[in-house]
N, C-alpha and C. Protein backbone atom coordinates (compact mmCIF):
# COMPACT_ATOMS: atom_id res chain seq x y z
N MET A 1 165.16 170.08 -24.80
CA MET A 1 164.36 169.72 -25.97
C MET A 1 164.67 170.73 -27.08
N THR A 2 164.84 170.23 -28.26
CA THR A 2 165.11 171.10 -29.39
C THR A 2 163.84 171.83 -29.81
N ASP A 3 163.99 173.05 -30.31
CA ASP A 3 162.82 173.82 -30.73
C ASP A 3 162.29 173.38 -32.07
N THR A 4 163.12 172.83 -32.91
CA THR A 4 162.66 172.36 -34.21
C THR A 4 163.16 170.95 -34.44
N ALA A 5 162.38 170.20 -35.16
CA ALA A 5 162.75 168.83 -35.49
C ALA A 5 161.81 168.35 -36.59
N PHE A 6 162.24 167.32 -37.29
CA PHE A 6 161.38 166.62 -38.23
C PHE A 6 160.91 165.38 -37.48
N ARG A 7 159.60 165.26 -37.32
CA ARG A 7 159.03 164.17 -36.52
C ARG A 7 158.34 163.16 -37.42
N VAL A 8 158.56 161.89 -37.11
CA VAL A 8 157.94 160.79 -37.84
C VAL A 8 157.09 160.01 -36.84
N MET A 9 155.84 159.73 -37.22
CA MET A 9 154.97 158.93 -36.37
C MET A 9 154.47 157.74 -37.19
N LEU A 10 154.69 156.55 -36.64
CA LEU A 10 154.27 155.32 -37.29
C LEU A 10 153.20 154.65 -36.44
N ARG A 11 152.22 154.05 -37.11
CA ARG A 11 151.23 153.22 -36.41
C ARG A 11 151.48 151.78 -36.85
N PHE A 12 151.56 150.88 -35.88
CA PHE A 12 151.71 149.45 -36.15
C PHE A 12 150.46 148.73 -35.67
N ASP A 13 149.78 148.01 -36.54
CA ASP A 13 148.66 147.15 -36.17
C ASP A 13 149.23 145.74 -36.02
N ILE A 14 149.30 145.28 -34.78
CA ILE A 14 149.99 144.03 -34.45
C ILE A 14 149.02 142.86 -34.43
N ASN A 15 149.48 141.73 -34.95
CA ASN A 15 148.67 140.52 -34.93
C ASN A 15 148.36 140.14 -33.48
N PRO A 16 147.09 139.83 -33.17
CA PRO A 16 146.72 139.47 -31.80
C PRO A 16 147.60 138.33 -31.27
N GLY A 17 148.04 138.50 -30.02
CA GLY A 17 148.89 137.50 -29.37
C GLY A 17 150.37 137.69 -29.63
N MET A 18 150.74 138.63 -30.49
CA MET A 18 152.15 138.83 -30.83
C MET A 18 152.73 140.12 -30.24
N GLU A 19 151.98 140.74 -29.34
CA GLU A 19 152.40 142.03 -28.79
C GLU A 19 153.73 141.94 -28.04
N ASP A 20 153.90 140.94 -27.19
CA ASP A 20 155.15 140.81 -26.42
C ASP A 20 156.35 140.63 -27.35
N GLY A 21 156.20 139.80 -28.35
CA GLY A 21 157.28 139.59 -29.31
C GLY A 21 157.62 140.85 -30.07
N PHE A 22 156.60 141.61 -30.45
CA PHE A 22 156.82 142.88 -31.14
C PHE A 22 157.59 143.83 -30.23
N GLU A 23 157.15 143.98 -29.00
CA GLU A 23 157.82 144.90 -28.07
C GLU A 23 159.28 144.50 -27.86
N GLN A 24 159.52 143.22 -27.64
CA GLN A 24 160.89 142.76 -27.40
C GLN A 24 161.78 142.96 -28.63
N THR A 25 161.23 142.67 -29.81
CA THR A 25 162.00 142.85 -31.03
C THR A 25 162.29 144.32 -31.26
N TRP A 26 161.28 145.18 -31.09
CA TRP A 26 161.49 146.62 -31.27
C TRP A 26 162.58 147.11 -30.31
N HIS A 27 162.51 146.69 -29.08
CA HIS A 27 163.49 147.12 -28.09
C HIS A 27 164.90 146.63 -28.45
N SER A 28 165.00 145.40 -28.93
CA SER A 28 166.31 144.83 -29.22
C SER A 28 166.99 145.46 -30.43
N ILE A 29 166.21 146.04 -31.33
CA ILE A 29 166.81 146.64 -32.54
C ILE A 29 166.69 148.16 -32.57
N GLY A 30 166.19 148.74 -31.49
CA GLY A 30 165.97 150.18 -31.45
C GLY A 30 167.22 151.01 -31.66
N ASN A 31 168.38 150.46 -31.32
CA ASN A 31 169.61 151.24 -31.47
C ASN A 31 169.96 151.47 -32.94
N VAL A 32 169.37 150.71 -33.87
CA VAL A 32 169.59 150.97 -35.30
C VAL A 32 169.17 152.41 -35.63
N ILE A 33 168.12 152.86 -34.98
CA ILE A 33 167.64 154.23 -35.22
C ILE A 33 168.41 155.23 -34.36
N THR A 34 168.49 154.98 -33.08
CA THR A 34 169.08 155.98 -32.19
C THR A 34 170.57 156.18 -32.39
N GLU A 35 171.24 155.24 -33.02
CA GLU A 35 172.66 155.41 -33.30
C GLU A 35 172.93 156.21 -34.57
N HIS A 36 171.88 156.50 -35.34
CA HIS A 36 172.07 157.33 -36.53
C HIS A 36 172.38 158.76 -36.06
N PRO A 37 173.40 159.40 -36.61
CA PRO A 37 173.81 160.72 -36.11
C PRO A 37 172.75 161.81 -36.26
N ALA A 38 171.73 161.61 -37.07
CA ALA A 38 170.69 162.63 -37.23
C ALA A 38 169.47 162.38 -36.37
N ASN A 39 169.46 161.28 -35.61
CA ASN A 39 168.30 160.95 -34.79
C ASN A 39 168.38 161.66 -33.45
N LEU A 40 167.27 162.28 -33.04
CA LEU A 40 167.19 162.99 -31.77
C LEU A 40 166.57 162.16 -30.66
N GLY A 41 165.93 161.05 -31.03
CA GLY A 41 165.30 160.18 -30.03
C GLY A 41 164.09 159.49 -30.63
N GLN A 42 163.65 158.44 -29.93
CA GLN A 42 162.46 157.73 -30.39
C GLN A 42 161.73 157.13 -29.20
N TRP A 43 160.44 156.85 -29.40
CA TRP A 43 159.57 156.34 -28.36
C TRP A 43 158.64 155.28 -28.93
N LEU A 44 158.43 154.20 -28.19
CA LEU A 44 157.43 153.20 -28.53
C LEU A 44 156.25 153.42 -27.58
N LEU A 45 155.07 153.55 -28.14
CA LEU A 45 153.87 153.80 -27.35
C LEU A 45 152.81 152.75 -27.68
N LYS A 46 152.07 152.32 -26.67
CA LYS A 46 150.98 151.38 -26.88
C LYS A 46 149.67 152.13 -26.68
N ASP A 47 148.76 151.96 -27.62
CA ASP A 47 147.46 152.61 -27.54
C ASP A 47 146.75 152.20 -26.25
N SER A 48 146.19 153.14 -25.53
CA SER A 48 145.55 152.84 -24.25
C SER A 48 144.16 152.23 -24.41
N GLU A 49 143.62 152.24 -25.63
CA GLU A 49 142.29 151.68 -25.85
C GLU A 49 142.27 150.50 -26.81
N LYS A 50 143.25 150.42 -27.69
CA LYS A 50 143.30 149.34 -28.68
C LYS A 50 144.51 148.46 -28.37
N ASP A 51 144.26 147.25 -27.88
CA ASP A 51 145.32 146.36 -27.41
C ASP A 51 146.39 146.04 -28.44
N HIS A 52 146.05 146.05 -29.71
CA HIS A 52 146.97 145.59 -30.74
C HIS A 52 147.58 146.73 -31.56
N THR A 53 147.44 147.96 -31.07
CA THR A 53 147.93 149.12 -31.81
C THR A 53 149.07 149.80 -31.05
N TYR A 54 150.14 150.02 -31.78
CA TYR A 54 151.32 150.71 -31.23
C TYR A 54 151.66 151.89 -32.12
N TYR A 55 152.39 152.83 -31.54
CA TYR A 55 152.91 153.97 -32.28
C TYR A 55 154.39 154.10 -31.99
N VAL A 56 155.13 154.54 -32.97
CA VAL A 56 156.53 154.89 -32.78
C VAL A 56 156.67 156.33 -33.22
N ILE A 57 157.27 157.13 -32.37
CA ILE A 57 157.59 158.52 -32.71
C ILE A 57 159.09 158.65 -32.70
N SER A 58 159.63 159.23 -33.75
CA SER A 58 161.07 159.50 -33.78
C SER A 58 161.29 160.92 -34.29
N ASP A 59 162.26 161.58 -33.70
CA ASP A 59 162.61 162.96 -34.06
C ASP A 59 163.97 162.98 -34.74
N TRP A 60 164.07 163.81 -35.76
CA TRP A 60 165.27 163.90 -36.60
C TRP A 60 165.67 165.36 -36.76
N VAL A 61 166.94 165.58 -37.03
CA VAL A 61 167.40 166.96 -37.18
C VAL A 61 166.76 167.64 -38.39
N ASP A 62 166.47 166.88 -39.44
CA ASP A 62 165.78 167.45 -40.61
C ASP A 62 165.26 166.32 -41.50
N GLU A 63 164.42 166.68 -42.46
CA GLU A 63 163.81 165.67 -43.34
C GLU A 63 164.82 164.98 -44.25
N PRO A 64 165.75 165.70 -44.89
CA PRO A 64 166.70 165.00 -45.77
C PRO A 64 167.50 163.91 -45.06
N ARG A 65 167.90 164.18 -43.83
CA ARG A 65 168.67 163.17 -43.09
C ARG A 65 167.80 161.98 -42.69
N PHE A 66 166.52 162.25 -42.36
CA PHE A 66 165.61 161.14 -42.10
C PHE A 66 165.44 160.29 -43.35
N ARG A 67 165.23 160.92 -44.49
CA ARG A 67 165.01 160.17 -45.75
C ARG A 67 166.25 159.34 -46.10
N GLU A 68 167.41 159.87 -45.79
CA GLU A 68 168.66 159.11 -45.99
C GLU A 68 168.61 157.82 -45.17
N PHE A 69 168.23 157.97 -43.90
CA PHE A 69 168.12 156.80 -43.03
C PHE A 69 167.03 155.86 -43.51
N GLU A 70 165.89 156.40 -43.90
CA GLU A 70 164.74 155.59 -44.31
C GLU A 70 165.09 154.61 -45.42
N HIS A 71 166.00 155.01 -46.30
CA HIS A 71 166.38 154.18 -47.44
C HIS A 71 167.67 153.39 -47.20
N SER A 72 168.19 153.43 -45.98
CA SER A 72 169.45 152.75 -45.69
C SER A 72 169.25 151.25 -45.49
N ASP A 73 170.31 150.49 -45.68
CA ASP A 73 170.27 149.04 -45.47
C ASP A 73 169.89 148.70 -44.03
N GLY A 74 170.39 149.47 -43.08
CA GLY A 74 170.08 149.21 -41.67
C GLY A 74 168.60 149.31 -41.38
N HIS A 75 167.96 150.30 -41.96
CA HIS A 75 166.52 150.47 -41.73
C HIS A 75 165.72 149.37 -42.42
N VAL A 76 166.14 148.98 -43.60
CA VAL A 76 165.45 147.89 -44.31
C VAL A 76 165.49 146.62 -43.46
N GLU A 77 166.64 146.32 -42.87
CA GLU A 77 166.76 145.14 -42.00
C GLU A 77 165.86 145.28 -40.76
N HIS A 78 165.80 146.48 -40.20
CA HIS A 78 164.96 146.77 -39.05
C HIS A 78 163.50 146.47 -39.38
N ARG A 79 163.04 146.93 -40.52
CA ARG A 79 161.65 146.70 -40.94
C ARG A 79 161.37 145.22 -41.15
N LYS A 80 162.32 144.48 -41.71
CA LYS A 80 162.12 143.05 -41.96
C LYS A 80 161.89 142.30 -40.65
N LYS A 81 162.58 142.68 -39.59
CA LYS A 81 162.44 142.00 -38.31
C LYS A 81 161.09 142.28 -37.65
N LEU A 82 160.51 143.43 -37.92
CA LEU A 82 159.22 143.79 -37.33
C LEU A 82 158.03 143.31 -38.17
N HIS A 83 158.26 143.10 -39.44
CA HIS A 83 157.17 142.78 -40.36
C HIS A 83 156.31 141.58 -39.94
N PRO A 84 156.89 140.47 -39.45
CA PRO A 84 156.05 139.31 -39.11
C PRO A 84 155.01 139.58 -38.03
N TYR A 85 155.20 140.62 -37.25
CA TYR A 85 154.29 140.91 -36.15
C TYR A 85 153.09 141.75 -36.56
N ARG A 86 153.13 142.36 -37.72
CA ARG A 86 152.11 143.35 -38.05
C ARG A 86 151.26 142.94 -39.24
N HIS A 87 150.05 143.50 -39.27
CA HIS A 87 149.16 143.28 -40.41
C HIS A 87 148.70 144.60 -41.03
N GLY A 88 149.20 145.69 -40.55
CA GLY A 88 148.85 146.99 -41.11
C GLY A 88 149.55 148.10 -40.38
N GLY A 89 149.35 149.31 -40.86
CA GLY A 89 149.94 150.47 -40.21
C GLY A 89 149.89 151.69 -41.11
N ALA A 90 150.52 152.74 -40.65
CA ALA A 90 150.54 154.00 -41.38
C ALA A 90 151.75 154.81 -40.94
N MET A 91 152.07 155.83 -41.72
CA MET A 91 153.19 156.72 -41.40
C MET A 91 152.77 158.16 -41.65
N TRP A 92 153.12 159.04 -40.71
CA TRP A 92 152.89 160.47 -40.85
C TRP A 92 154.21 161.18 -40.59
N THR A 93 154.46 162.26 -41.30
CA THR A 93 155.64 163.09 -41.05
C THR A 93 155.19 164.51 -40.80
N MET A 94 155.96 165.23 -40.00
CA MET A 94 155.59 166.60 -39.62
C MET A 94 156.82 167.35 -39.14
N ASN A 95 156.69 168.65 -39.08
CA ASN A 95 157.75 169.51 -38.57
C ASN A 95 157.31 170.14 -37.26
N VAL A 96 158.15 170.03 -36.25
CA VAL A 96 157.86 170.68 -34.98
C VAL A 96 158.01 172.18 -35.19
N VAL A 97 157.01 172.92 -34.80
CA VAL A 97 157.03 174.38 -34.96
C VAL A 97 157.47 175.03 -33.65
N TYR A 98 156.85 174.64 -32.55
CA TYR A 98 157.23 175.13 -31.23
C TYR A 98 157.28 173.95 -30.27
N ALA A 99 158.13 174.03 -29.28
CA ALA A 99 158.21 173.01 -28.25
C ALA A 99 158.36 173.70 -26.90
N PHE A 100 157.55 173.30 -25.94
CA PHE A 100 157.63 173.83 -24.59
C PHE A 100 157.92 172.68 -23.64
N ARG A 101 158.79 172.91 -22.72
CA ARG A 101 159.10 171.90 -21.71
C ARG A 101 158.18 172.10 -20.53
N GLY A 102 157.47 171.04 -20.11
CA GLY A 102 156.51 171.13 -19.02
C GLY A 102 157.17 171.33 -17.66
N ALA A 103 156.38 171.82 -16.72
CA ALA A 103 156.89 172.12 -15.38
C ALA A 103 157.52 170.91 -14.71
N ALA A 104 156.91 169.75 -14.84
CA ALA A 104 157.45 168.54 -14.20
C ALA A 104 158.80 168.17 -14.79
N ALA A 105 159.03 168.47 -16.05
CA ALA A 105 160.31 168.15 -16.69
C ALA A 105 161.41 169.13 -16.28
N ARG A 106 161.02 170.28 -15.77
CA ARG A 106 162.01 171.29 -15.38
C ARG A 106 162.44 171.16 -13.92
N VAL A 107 161.76 170.33 -13.15
CA VAL A 107 162.07 170.17 -11.73
C VAL A 107 163.28 169.27 -11.57
N PRO A 108 164.32 169.73 -10.86
CA PRO A 108 165.50 168.86 -10.63
C PRO A 108 165.10 167.61 -9.86
N GLN A 109 165.66 166.50 -10.24
CA GLN A 109 165.35 165.21 -9.59
C GLN A 109 166.24 165.00 -8.39
């Protein structure tokens, strides 16, 4: 795990009954993000208490490279494919200050 990163967290409020379609679409186009040379990884998370709420976390080498991606044609197309599933959301950005790898992650498999 890298010690520093620029982290982006998105909240997606999904239209009821469209969760499976959202998940499948996100999964099918996820490589648009992970193939960008500045992307460190991304995760799709489903809220454990709100059935229609999802989060996406993505880590980037730095903010300028993320902003470059954010305004790219590939990302615009990515957003268009997800838009029909959602009725709201939010975005937060932050900088990782410290990162510790947990004991379970350090155990050889």
